[in-house]
Amino acid sequence: SDEVGEANTCASRSFVLGWPTVAFVATFSSSELKEKWHSSLQRYINL
């Protein structure tokens, strides 16, 4: 969300990406690309 992290991180183009030792805010060039990545990652993580 806009409250998480820095105010200049655009929540519509970003999500948190993590694994056991690290977490990043991943920011993409567009909200559409962010949604594509987020849904694809969730699908293949679940599989």
ModelCIF file with pLDDT and N, C-alpha, C, O atoms, coordinates in Angstrom:
data_MODEL
#
_entry.id   MODEL 
#
_entity.id                         1 
_entity.type                       polymer 
_entity.pdbx_number_of_molecules   1 
#
_entity_poly.entity_id                      1 
_entity_poly.type                           'polypeptide(L)' 
_entity_poly.nstd_linkage                   no 
_entity_poly.nstd_monomer                   no 
_entity_poly.pdbx_seq_one_letter_code       SDEVGEANTCASRSFVLGWPTVAFVATFSSSELKEKWHSSLQRYINL 
_entity_poly.pdbx_seq_one_letter_code_can   SDEVGEANTCASRSFVLGWPTVAFVATFSSSELKEKWHSSLQRYINL 
_entity_poly.pdbx_strand_id                 A 
#
loop_
_entity_poly_seq.entity_id 
_entity_poly_seq.num 
_entity_poly_seq.mon_id 
_entity_poly_seq.hetero 
1 1  SER n 
1 2  ASP n 
1 3  GLU n 
1 4  VAL n 
1 5  GLY n 
1 6  GLU n 
1 7  ALA n 
1 8  ASN n 
1 9  THR n 
1 10 CYS n 
1 11 ALA n 
1 12 SER n 
1 13 ARG n 
1 14 SER n 
1 15 PHE n 
1 16 VAL n 
1 17 LEU n 
1 18 GLY n 
1 19 TRP n 
1 20 PRO n 
1 21 THR n 
1 22 VAL n 
1 23 ALA n 
1 24 PHE n 
1 25 VAL n 
1 26 ALA n 
1 27 THR n 
1 28 PHE n 
1 29 SER n 
1 30 SER n 
1 31 SER n 
1 32 GLU n 
1 33 LEU n 
1 34 LYS n 
1 35 GLU n 
1 36 LYS n 
1 37 TRP n 
1 38 HIS n 
1 39 SER n 
1 40 SER n 
1 41 LEU n 
1 42 GLN n 
1 43 ARG n 
1 44 TYR n 
1 45 ILE n 
1 46 ASN n 
1 47 LEU n 
#
_struct_asym.id          A 
_struct_asym.entity_id   1 
#
loop_
_ma_qa_metric.id 
_ma_qa_metric.mode 
_ma_qa_metric.name 
_ma_qa_metric.software_group_id 
_ma_qa_metric.type 
1 global pLDDT . pLDDT 
2 local  pLDDT . pLDDT 
#
_ma_qa_metric_global.metric_id      1 
_ma_qa_metric_global.metric_value   85.36 
_ma_qa_metric_global.model_id       1 
_ma_qa_metric_global.ordinal_id     1 
#
loop_
_ma_qa_metric_local.label_asym_id 
_ma_qa_metric_local.label_comp_id 
_ma_qa_metric_local.label_seq_id 
_ma_qa_metric_local.metric_id 
_ma_qa_metric_local.metric_value 
_ma_qa_metric_local.model_id 
_ma_qa_metric_local.ordinal_id 
A SER 1  2 62.00 1 1  
A ASP 2  2 50.00 1 2  
A GLU 3  2 49.00 1 3  
A VAL 4  2 46.00 1 4  
A GLY 5  2 49.00 1 5  
A GLU 6  2 49.00 1 6  
A ALA 7  2 48.00 1 7  
A ASN 8  2 52.00 1 8  
A THR 9  2 54.00 1 9  
A CYS 10 2 71.00 1 10 
A ALA 11 2 81.00 1 11 
A SER 12 2 90.00 1 12 
A ARG 13 2 94.00 1 13 
A SER 14 2 94.00 1 14 
A PHE 15 2 95.00 1 15 
A VAL 16 2 94.00 1 16 
A LEU 17 2 95.00 1 17 
A GLY 18 2 94.00 1 18 
A TRP 19 2 93.00 1 19 
A PRO 20 2 90.00 1 20 
A THR 21 2 86.00 1 21 
A VAL 22 2 92.00 1 22 
A ALA 23 2 93.00 1 23 
A PHE 24 2 94.00 1 24 
A VAL 25 2 94.00 1 25 
A ALA 26 2 96.00 1 26 
A THR 27 2 96.00 1 27 
A PHE 28 2 96.00 1 28 
A SER 29 2 95.00 1 29 
A SER 30 2 95.00 1 30 
A SER 31 2 94.00 1 31 
A GLU 32 2 96.00 1 32 
A LEU 33 2 97.00 1 33 
A LYS 34 2 96.00 1 34 
A GLU 35 2 96.00 1 35 
A LYS 36 2 97.00 1 36 
A TRP 37 2 97.00 1 37 
A HIS 38 2 96.00 1 38 
A SER 39 2 96.00 1 39 
A SER 40 2 96.00 1 40 
A LEU 41 2 96.00 1 41 
A GLN 42 2 96.00 1 42 
A ARG 43 2 96.00 1 43 
A TYR 44 2 95.00 1 44 
A ILE 45 2 95.00 1 45 
A ASN 46 2 93.00 1 46 
A LEU 47 2 93.00 1 47 
#
loop_
_atom_site.group_PDB 
_atom_site.id 
_atom_site.type_symbol 
_atom_site.label_atom_id 
_atom_site.label_alt_id 
_atom_site.label_comp_id 
_atom_site.label_asym_id 
_atom_site.label_entity_id 
_atom_site.label_seq_id 
_atom_site.pdbx_PDB_ins_code 
_atom_site.Cartn_x 
_atom_site.Cartn_y 
_atom_site.Cartn_z 
_atom_site.occupancy 
_atom_site.B_iso_or_equiv 
_atom_site.pdbx_formal_charge 
_atom_site.auth_seq_id 
_atom_site.auth_comp_id 
_atom_site.auth_asym_id 
_atom_site.auth_atom_id 
_atom_site.pdbx_PDB_model_num 
ATOM 1   N N  . SER A 1 1  ? 0.865  -1.177  0.000   1.00 62.00 ? 1  SER A N  1 
ATOM 2   C CA . SER A 1 1  ? 0.000  0.000   0.000   1.00 62.00 ? 1  SER A CA 1 
ATOM 3   C C  . SER A 1 1  ? 0.899  1.223   0.000   1.00 62.00 ? 1  SER A C  1 
ATOM 4   O O  . SER A 1 1  ? 2.104  1.117   0.225   1.00 62.00 ? 1  SER A O  1 
ATOM 5   N N  . ASP A 1 2  ? 0.308  2.385   -0.253  1.00 50.00 ? 2  ASP A N  1 
ATOM 6   C CA . ASP A 1 2  ? 1.106  3.617   -0.289  1.00 50.00 ? 2  ASP A CA 1 
ATOM 7   C C  . ASP A 1 2  ? 1.744  3.921   1.067   1.00 50.00 ? 2  ASP A C  1 
ATOM 8   O O  . ASP A 1 2  ? 2.754  4.620   1.139   1.00 50.00 ? 2  ASP A O  1 
ATOM 9   N N  . GLU A 1 3  ? 1.143  3.386   2.154   1.00 49.00 ? 3  GLU A N  1 
ATOM 10  C CA . GLU A 1 3  ? 1.685  3.656   3.476   1.00 49.00 ? 3  GLU A CA 1 
ATOM 11  C C  . GLU A 1 3  ? 2.930  2.817   3.750   1.00 49.00 ? 3  GLU A C  1 
ATOM 12  O O  . GLU A 1 3  ? 3.764  3.199   4.571   1.00 49.00 ? 3  GLU A O  1 
ATOM 13  N N  . VAL A 1 4  ? 3.062  1.676   3.069   1.00 46.00 ? 4  VAL A N  1 
ATOM 14  C CA . VAL A 1 4  ? 4.201  0.792   3.314   1.00 46.00 ? 4  VAL A CA 1 
ATOM 15  C C  . VAL A 1 4  ? 5.422  1.349   2.596   1.00 46.00 ? 4  VAL A C  1 
ATOM 16  O O  . VAL A 1 4  ? 5.359  1.695   1.416   1.00 46.00 ? 4  VAL A O  1 
ATOM 17  N N  . GLY A 1 5  ? 6.519  1.429   3.313   1.00 49.00 ? 5  GLY A N  1 
ATOM 18  C CA . GLY A 1 5  ? 7.766  1.881   2.685   1.00 49.00 ? 5  GLY A CA 1 
ATOM 19  C C  . GLY A 1 5  ? 7.742  3.369   2.397   1.00 49.00 ? 5  GLY A C  1 
ATOM 20  O O  . GLY A 1 5  ? 7.117  4.145   3.120   1.00 49.00 ? 5  GLY A O  1 
ATOM 21  N N  . GLU A 1 6  ? 8.415  3.751   1.355   1.00 49.00 ? 6  GLU A N  1 
ATOM 22  C CA . GLU A 1 6  ? 8.558  5.166   1.009   1.00 49.00 ? 6  GLU A CA 1 
ATOM 23  C C  . GLU A 1 6  ? 7.316  5.674   0.276   1.00 49.00 ? 6  GLU A C  1 
ATOM 24  O O  . GLU A 1 6  ? 6.629  4.916   -0.409  1.00 49.00 ? 6  GLU A O  1 
ATOM 25  N N  . ALA A 1 7  ? 7.048  6.951   0.432   1.00 48.00 ? 7  ALA A N  1 
ATOM 26  C CA . ALA A 1 7  ? 5.904  7.563   -0.242  1.00 48.00 ? 7  ALA A CA 1 
ATOM 27  C C  . ALA A 1 7  ? 6.092  7.566   -1.760  1.00 48.00 ? 7  ALA A C  1 
ATOM 28  O O  . ALA A 1 7  ? 5.112  7.611   -2.504  1.00 48.00 ? 7  ALA A O  1 
ATOM 29  N N  . ASN A 1 8  ? 7.353  7.519   -2.226  1.00 52.00 ? 8  ASN A N  1 
ATOM 30  C CA . ASN A 1 8  ? 7.583  7.585   -3.667  1.00 52.00 ? 8  ASN A CA 1 
ATOM 31  C C  . ASN A 1 8  ? 7.456  6.231   -4.360  1.00 52.00 ? 8  ASN A C  1 
ATOM 32  O O  . ASN A 1 8  ? 7.603  6.149   -5.579  1.00 52.00 ? 8  ASN A O  1 
ATOM 33  N N  . THR A 1 9  ? 7.183  5.160   -3.596  1.00 54.00 ? 9  THR A N  1 
ATOM 34  C CA . THR A 1 9  ? 6.947  3.855   -4.214  1.00 54.00 ? 9  THR A CA 1 
ATOM 35  C C  . THR A 1 9  ? 5.480  3.801   -4.628  1.00 54.00 ? 9  THR A C  1 
ATOM 36  O O  . THR A 1 9  ? 4.588  3.929   -3.790  1.00 54.00 ? 9  THR A O  1 
ATOM 37  N N  . CYS A 1 10 ? 5.241  3.616   -5.890  1.00 71.00 ? 10 CYS A N  1 
ATOM 38  C CA . CYS A 1 10 ? 3.869  3.632   -6.405  1.00 71.00 ? 10 CYS A CA 1 
ATOM 39  C C  . CYS A 1 10 ? 3.226  2.264   -6.213  1.00 71.00 ? 10 CYS A C  1 
ATOM 40  O O  . CYS A 1 10 ? 3.617  1.299   -6.870  1.00 71.00 ? 10 CYS A O  1 
ATOM 41  N N  . ALA A 1 11 ? 2.240  2.170   -5.317  1.00 81.00 ? 11 ALA A N  1 
ATOM 42  C CA . ALA A 1 11 ? 1.612  0.884   -4.992  1.00 81.00 ? 11 ALA A CA 1 
ATOM 43  C C  . ALA A 1 11 ? 0.907  0.260   -6.195  1.00 81.00 ? 11 ALA A C  1 
ATOM 44  O O  . ALA A 1 11 ? 0.787  -0.963  -6.266  1.00 81.00 ? 11 ALA A O  1 
ATOM 45  N N  . SER A 1 12 ? 0.441  1.075   -7.139  1.00 90.00 ? 12 SER A N  1 
ATOM 46  C CA . SER A 1 12 ? -0.266 0.499   -8.284  1.00 90.00 ? 12 SER A CA 1 
ATOM 47  C C  . SER A 1 12 ? 0.685  -0.245  -9.225  1.00 90.00 ? 12 SER A C  1 
ATOM 48  O O  . SER A 1 12 ? 0.236  -1.045  -10.046 1.00 90.00 ? 12 SER A O  1 
ATOM 49  N N  . ARG A 1 13 ? 1.992  0.009   -9.116  1.00 94.00 ? 13 ARG A N  1 
ATOM 50  C CA . ARG A 1 13 ? 2.966  -0.649  -9.986  1.00 94.00 ? 13 ARG A CA 1 
ATOM 51  C C  . ARG A 1 13 ? 3.916  -1.565  -9.211  1.00 94.00 ? 13 ARG A C  1 
ATOM 52  O O  . ARG A 1 13 ? 4.882  -2.072  -9.781  1.00 94.00 ? 13 ARG A O  1 
ATOM 53  N N  . SER A 1 14 ? 3.648  -1.784  -7.902  1.00 94.00 ? 14 SER A N  1 
ATOM 54  C CA . SER A 1 14 ? 4.600  -2.505  -7.062  1.00 94.00 ? 14 SER A CA 1 
ATOM 55  C C  . SER A 1 14 ? 3.935  -3.580  -6.211  1.00 94.00 ? 14 SER A C  1 
ATOM 56  O O  . SER A 1 14 ? 2.745  -3.504  -5.904  1.00 94.00 ? 14 SER A O  1 
ATOM 57  N N  . PHE A 1 15 ? 4.727  -4.582  -5.836  1.00 95.00 ? 15 PHE A N  1 
ATOM 58  C CA . PHE A 1 15 ? 4.344  -5.527  -4.797  1.00 95.00 ? 15 PHE A CA 1 
ATOM 59  C C  . PHE A 1 15 ? 5.610  -5.996  -4.094  1.00 95.00 ? 15 PHE A C  1 
ATOM 60  O O  . PHE A 1 15 ? 6.720  -5.820  -4.598  1.00 95.00 ? 15 PHE A O  1 
ATOM 61  N N  . VAL A 1 16 ? 5.425  -6.592  -2.925  1.00 94.00 ? 16 VAL A N  1 
ATOM 62  C CA . VAL A 1 16 ? 6.562  -7.097  -2.163  1.00 94.00 ? 16 VAL A CA 1 
ATOM 63  C C  . VAL A 1 16 ? 6.874  -8.502  -2.654  1.00 94.00 ? 16 VAL A C  1 
ATOM 64  O O  . VAL A 1 16 ? 5.981  -9.337  -2.798  1.00 94.00 ? 16 VAL A O  1 
ATOM 65  N N  . LEU A 1 17 ? 8.145  -8.751  -2.908  1.00 95.00 ? 17 LEU A N  1 
ATOM 66  C CA . LEU A 1 17 ? 8.622  -10.038 -3.390  1.00 95.00 ? 17 LEU A CA 1 
ATOM 67  C C  . LEU A 1 17 ? 9.680  -10.517 -2.406  1.00 95.00 ? 17 LEU A C  1 
ATOM 68  O O  . LEU A 1 17 ? 10.670 -9.827  -2.164  1.00 95.00 ? 17 LEU A O  1 
ATOM 69  N N  . GLY A 1 18 ? 9.464  -11.713 -1.836  1.00 94.00 ? 18 GLY A N  1 
ATOM 70  C CA . GLY A 1 18 ? 10.412 -12.187 -0.838  1.00 94.00 ? 18 GLY A CA 1 
ATOM 71  C C  . GLY A 1 18 ? 10.644 -13.678 -0.917  1.00 94.00 ? 18 GLY A C  1 
ATOM 72  O O  . GLY A 1 18 ? 9.875  -14.418 -1.531  1.00 94.00 ? 18 GLY A O  1 
ATOM 73  N N  . TRP A 1 19 ? 11.721 -14.100 -0.283  1.00 93.00 ? 19 TRP A N  1 
ATOM 74  C CA . TRP A 1 19 ? 12.043 -15.509 -0.087  1.00 93.00 ? 19 TRP A CA 1 
ATOM 75  C C  . TRP A 1 19 ? 12.718 -15.585 1.270   1.00 93.00 ? 19 TRP A C  1 
ATOM 76  O O  . TRP A 1 19 ? 12.917 -14.544 1.896   1.00 93.00 ? 19 TRP A O  1 
ATOM 77  N N  . PRO A 1 20 ? 13.077 -16.758 1.755   1.00 90.00 ? 20 PRO A N  1 
ATOM 78  C CA . PRO A 1 20 ? 13.444 -16.868 3.172   1.00 90.00 ? 20 PRO A CA 1 
ATOM 79  C C  . PRO A 1 20 ? 14.440 -15.855 3.731   1.00 90.00 ? 20 PRO A C  1 
ATOM 80  O O  . PRO A 1 20 ? 14.339 -15.505 4.907   1.00 90.00 ? 20 PRO A O  1 
ATOM 81  N N  . THR A 1 21 ? 15.384 -15.375 2.951   1.00 86.00 ? 21 THR A N  1 
ATOM 82  C CA . THR A 1 21 ? 16.412 -14.507 3.534   1.00 86.00 ? 21 THR A CA 1 
ATOM 83  C C  . THR A 1 21 ? 16.283 -13.034 3.165   1.00 86.00 ? 21 THR A C  1 
ATOM 84  O O  . THR A 1 21 ? 17.071 -12.218 3.645   1.00 86.00 ? 21 THR A O  1 
ATOM 85  N N  . VAL A 1 22 ? 15.320 -12.671 2.333   1.00 92.00 ? 22 VAL A N  1 
ATOM 86  C CA . VAL A 1 22 ? 15.296 -11.296 1.822   1.00 92.00 ? 22 VAL A CA 1 
ATOM 87  C C  . VAL A 1 22 ? 13.893 -10.910 1.339   1.00 92.00 ? 22 VAL A C  1 
ATOM 88  O O  . VAL A 1 22 ? 13.085 -11.773 0.998   1.00 92.00 ? 22 VAL A O  1 
ATOM 89  N N  . ALA A 1 23 ? 13.619 -9.613  1.317   1.00 93.00 ? 23 ALA A N  1 
ATOM 90  C CA . ALA A 1 23 ? 12.375 -9.101  0.721   1.00 93.00 ? 23 ALA A CA 1 
ATOM 91  C C  . ALA A 1 23 ? 12.675 -7.786  0.025   1.00 93.00 ? 23 ALA A C  1 
ATOM 92  O O  . ALA A 1 23 ? 13.452 -6.969  0.519   1.00 93.00 ? 23 ALA A O  1 
ATOM 93  N N  . PHE A 1 24 ? 12.048 -7.592  -1.131  1.00 94.00 ? 24 PHE A N  1 
ATOM 94  C CA . PHE A 1 24 ? 12.213 -6.386  -1.927  1.00 94.00 ? 24 PHE A CA 1 
ATOM 95  C C  . PHE A 1 24 ? 10.846 -5.835  -2.270  1.00 94.00 ? 24 PHE A C  1 
ATOM 96  O O  . PHE A 1 24 ? 9.857  -6.569  -2.265  1.00 94.00 ? 24 PHE A O  1 
ATOM 97  N N  . VAL A 1 25 ? 10.783 -4.539  -2.570  1.00 94.00 ? 25 VAL A N  1 
ATOM 98  C CA . VAL A 1 25 ? 9.621  -3.969  -3.237  1.00 94.00 ? 25 VAL A CA 1 
ATOM 99  C C  . VAL A 1 25 ? 9.968  -3.980  -4.722  1.00 94.00 ? 25 VAL A C  1 
ATOM 100 O O  . VAL A 1 25 ? 10.920 -3.330  -5.154  1.00 94.00 ? 25 VAL A O  1 
ATOM 101 N N  . ALA A 1 26 ? 9.179  -4.732  -5.500  1.00 96.00 ? 26 ALA A N  1 
ATOM 102 C CA . ALA A 1 26 ? 9.398  -4.839  -6.946  1.00 96.00 ? 26 ALA A CA 1 
ATOM 103 C C  . ALA A 1 26 ? 8.477  -3.846  -7.639  1.00 96.00 ? 26 ALA A C  1 
ATOM 104 O O  . ALA A 1 26 ? 7.257  -3.918  -7.492  1.00 96.00 ? 26 ALA A O  1 
ATOM 105 N N  . THR A 1 27 ? 9.060  -2.919  -8.395  1.00 96.00 ? 27 THR A N  1 
ATOM 106 C CA . THR A 1 27 ? 8.283  -1.895  -9.105  1.00 96.00 ? 27 THR A CA 1 
ATOM 107 C C  . THR A 1 27 ? 8.450  -2.097  -10.605 1.00 96.00 ? 27 THR A C  1 
ATOM 108 O O  . THR A 1 27 ? 9.565  -2.168  -11.122 1.00 96.00 ? 27 THR A O  1 
ATOM 109 N N  . PHE A 1 28 ? 7.317  -2.187  -11.289 1.00 96.00 ? 28 PHE A N  1 
ATOM 110 C CA . PHE A 1 28 ? 7.288  -2.451  -12.731 1.00 96.00 ? 28 PHE A CA 1 
ATOM 111 C C  . PHE A 1 28 ? 6.961  -1.178  -13.488 1.00 96.00 ? 28 PHE A C  1 
ATOM 112 O O  . PHE A 1 28 ? 6.579  -0.174  -12.888 1.00 96.00 ? 28 PHE A O  1 
ATOM 113 N N  . SER A 1 29 ? 7.111  -1.216  -14.810 1.00 95.00 ? 29 SER A N  1 
ATOM 114 C CA . SER A 1 29 ? 6.912  -0.021  -15.632 1.00 95.00 ? 29 SER A CA 1 
ATOM 115 C C  . SER A 1 29 ? 5.449  0.390   -15.756 1.00 95.00 ? 29 SER A C  1 
ATOM 116 O O  . SER A 1 29 ? 5.158  1.544   -16.074 1.00 95.00 ? 29 SER A O  1 
ATOM 117 N N  . SER A 1 30 ? 4.517  -0.542  -15.507 1.00 95.00 ? 30 SER A N  1 
ATOM 118 C CA . SER A 1 30 ? 3.088  -0.207  -15.599 1.00 95.00 ? 30 SER A CA 1 
ATOM 119 C C  . SER A 1 30 ? 2.298  -1.048  -14.607 1.00 95.00 ? 30 SER A C  1 
ATOM 120 O O  . SER A 1 30 ? 2.782  -2.079  -14.139 1.00 95.00 ? 30 SER A O  1 
ATOM 121 N N  . SER A 1 31 ? 1.091  -0.616  -14.286 1.00 94.00 ? 31 SER A N  1 
ATOM 122 C CA . SER A 1 31 ? 0.240  -1.394  -13.370 1.00 94.00 ? 31 SER A CA 1 
ATOM 123 C C  . SER A 1 31 ? -0.206 -2.698  -14.043 1.00 94.00 ? 31 SER A C  1 
ATOM 124 O O  . SER A 1 31 ? -0.409 -3.709  -13.371 1.00 94.00 ? 31 SER A O  1 
ATOM 125 N N  . GLU A 1 32 ? -0.357 -2.668  -15.383 1.00 96.00 ? 32 GLU A N  1 
ATOM 126 C CA . GLU A 1 32 ? -0.745 -3.898  -16.098 1.00 96.00 ? 32 GLU A CA 1 
ATOM 127 C C  . GLU A 1 32 ? 0.358  -4.952  -15.996 1.00 96.00 ? 32 GLU A C  1 
ATOM 128 O O  . GLU A 1 32 ? 0.079  -6.129  -15.765 1.00 96.00 ? 32 GLU A O  1 
ATOM 129 N N  . LEU A 1 33 ? 1.608  -4.526  -16.168 1.00 97.00 ? 33 LEU A N  1 
ATOM 130 C CA . LEU A 1 33 ? 2.728  -5.462  -16.067 1.00 97.00 ? 33 LEU A CA 1 
ATOM 131 C C  . LEU A 1 33 ? 2.860  -5.984  -14.635 1.00 97.00 ? 33 LEU A C  1 
ATOM 132 O O  . LEU A 1 33 ? 3.147  -7.162  -14.421 1.00 97.00 ? 33 LEU A O  1 
ATOM 133 N N  . LYS A 1 34 ? 2.650  -5.104  -13.664 1.00 96.00 ? 34 LYS A N  1 
ATOM 134 C CA . LYS A 1 34 ? 2.681  -5.522  -12.260 1.00 96.00 ? 34 LYS A CA 1 
ATOM 135 C C  . LYS A 1 34 ? 1.619  -6.599  -12.007 1.00 96.00 ? 34 LYS A C  1 
ATOM 136 O O  . LYS A 1 34 ? 1.912  -7.612  -11.371 1.00 96.00 ? 34 LYS A O  1 
ATOM 137 N N  . GLU A 1 35 ? 0.403  -6.396  -12.492 1.00 96.00 ? 35 GLU A N  1 
ATOM 138 C CA . GLU A 1 35 ? -0.676 -7.374  -12.292 1.00 96.00 ? 35 GLU A CA 1 
ATOM 139 C C  . GLU A 1 35 ? -0.355 -8.699  -12.983 1.00 96.00 ? 35 GLU A C  1 
ATOM 140 O O  . GLU A 1 35 ? -0.614 -9.769  -12.432 1.00 96.00 ? 35 GLU A O  1 
ATOM 141 N N  . LYS A 1 36 ? 0.206  -8.624  -14.183 1.00 97.00 ? 36 LYS A N  1 
ATOM 142 C CA . LYS A 1 36 ? 0.580  -9.841  -14.916 1.00 97.00 ? 36 LYS A CA 1 
ATOM 143 C C  . LYS A 1 36 ? 1.609  -10.637 -14.115 1.00 97.00 ? 36 LYS A C  1 
ATOM 144 O O  . LYS A 1 36 ? 1.483  -11.852 -13.963 1.00 97.00 ? 36 LYS A O  1 
ATOM 145 N N  . TRP A 1 37 ? 2.637  -9.937  -13.601 1.00 97.00 ? 37 TRP A N  1 
ATOM 146 C CA . TRP A 1 37 ? 3.670  -10.609 -12.819 1.00 97.00 ? 37 TRP A CA 1 
ATOM 147 C C  . TRP A 1 37 ? 3.109  -11.170 -11.522 1.00 97.00 ? 37 TRP A C  1 
ATOM 148 O O  . TRP A 1 37 ? 3.399  -12.311 -11.159 1.00 97.00 ? 37 TRP A O  1 
ATOM 149 N N  . HIS A 1 38 ? 2.310  -10.376 -10.823 1.00 96.00 ? 38 HIS A N  1 
ATOM 150 C CA . HIS A 1 38 ? 1.788  -10.808 -9.526  1.00 96.00 ? 38 HIS A CA 1 
ATOM 151 C C  . HIS A 1 38 ? 0.907  -12.042 -9.683  1.00 96.00 ? 38 HIS A C  1 
ATOM 152 O O  . HIS A 1 38 ? 1.052  -12.998 -8.920  1.00 96.00 ? 38 HIS A O  1 
ATOM 153 N N  . SER A 1 39 ? 0.001  -12.042 -10.653 1.00 96.00 ? 39 SER A N  1 
ATOM 154 C CA . SER A 1 39 ? -0.891 -13.194 -10.840 1.00 96.00 ? 39 SER A CA 1 
ATOM 155 C C  . SER A 1 39 ? -0.116 -14.417 -11.339 1.00 96.00 ? 39 SER A C  1 
ATOM 156 O O  . SER A 1 39 ? -0.386 -15.536 -10.903 1.00 96.00 ? 39 SER A O  1 
ATOM 157 N N  . SER A 1 40 ? 0.848  -14.213 -12.254 1.00 96.00 ? 40 SER A N  1 
ATOM 158 C CA . SER A 1 40 ? 1.645  -15.344 -12.746 1.00 96.00 ? 40 SER A CA 1 
ATOM 159 C C  . SER A 1 40 ? 2.495  -15.946 -11.634 1.00 96.00 ? 40 SER A C  1 
ATOM 160 O O  . SER A 1 40 ? 2.566  -17.166 -11.489 1.00 96.00 ? 40 SER A O  1 
ATOM 161 N N  . LEU A 1 41 ? 3.137  -15.089 -10.855 1.00 96.00 ? 41 LEU A N  1 
ATOM 162 C CA . LEU A 1 41 ? 3.949  -15.586 -9.736  1.00 96.00 ? 41 LEU A CA 1 
ATOM 163 C C  . LEU A 1 41 ? 3.088  -16.383 -8.762  1.00 96.00 ? 41 LEU A C  1 
ATOM 164 O O  . LEU A 1 41 ? 3.462  -17.484 -8.357  1.00 96.00 ? 41 LEU A O  1 
ATOM 165 N N  . GLN A 1 42 ? 1.931  -15.828 -8.384  1.00 96.00 ? 42 GLN A N  1 
ATOM 166 C CA . GLN A 1 42 ? 1.062  -16.530 -7.430  1.00 96.00 ? 42 GLN A CA 1 
ATOM 167 C C  . GLN A 1 42 ? 0.644  -17.901 -7.964  1.00 96.00 ? 42 GLN A C  1 
ATOM 168 O O  . GLN A 1 42 ? 0.644  -18.887 -7.227  1.00 96.00 ? 42 GLN A O  1 
ATOM 169 N N  . ARG A 1 43 ? 0.294  -17.955 -9.235  1.00 96.00 ? 43 ARG A N  1 
ATOM 170 C CA . ARG A 1 43 ? -0.138 -19.214 -9.845  1.00 96.00 ? 43 ARG A CA 1 
ATOM 171 C C  . ARG A 1 43 ? 0.977  -20.262 -9.777  1.00 96.00 ? 43 ARG A C  1 
ATOM 172 O O  . ARG A 1 43 ? 0.749  -21.391 -9.342  1.00 96.00 ? 43 ARG A O  1 
ATOM 173 N N  . TYR A 1 44 ? 2.177  -19.881 -10.208 1.00 95.00 ? 44 TYR A N  1 
ATOM 174 C CA . TYR A 1 44 ? 3.269  -20.856 -10.264 1.00 95.00 ? 44 TYR A CA 1 
ATOM 175 C C  . TYR A 1 44 ? 3.874  -21.143 -8.891  1.00 95.00 ? 44 TYR A C  1 
ATOM 176 O O  . TYR A 1 44 ? 4.399  -22.234 -8.670  1.00 95.00 ? 44 TYR A O  1 
ATOM 177 N N  . ILE A 1 45 ? 3.810  -20.188 -7.970  1.00 95.00 ? 45 ILE A N  1 
ATOM 178 C CA . ILE A 1 45 ? 4.218  -20.451 -6.579  1.00 95.00 ? 45 ILE A CA 1 
ATOM 179 C C  . ILE A 1 45 ? 3.289  -21.503 -5.983  1.00 95.00 ? 45 ILE A C  1 
ATOM 180 O O  . ILE A 1 45 ? 3.746  -22.459 -5.355  1.00 95.00 ? 45 ILE A O  1 
ATOM 181 N N  . ASN A 1 46 ? 1.980  -21.324 -6.182  1.00 93.00 ? 46 ASN A N  1 
ATOM 182 C CA . ASN A 1 46 ? 1.009  -22.294 -5.649  1.00 93.00 ? 46 ASN A CA 1 
ATOM 183 C C  . ASN A 1 46 ? 1.222  -23.681 -6.255  1.00 93.00 ? 46 ASN A C  1 
ATOM 184 O O  . ASN A 1 46 ? 1.164  -24.683 -5.542  1.00 93.00 ? 46 ASN A O  1 
ATOM 185 N N  . LEU A 1 47 ? 1.469  -23.743 -7.562  1.00 93.00 ? 47 LEU A N  1 
ATOM 186 C CA . LEU A 1 47 ? 1.718  -25.042 -8.206  1.00 93.00 ? 47 LEU A CA 1 
ATOM 187 C C  . LEU A 1 47 ? 2.983  -25.693 -7.656  1.00 93.00 ? 47 LEU A C  1 
ATOM 188 O O  . LEU A 1 47 ? 3.348  -26.789 -8.082  1.00 93.00 ? 47 LEU A O  1 
#
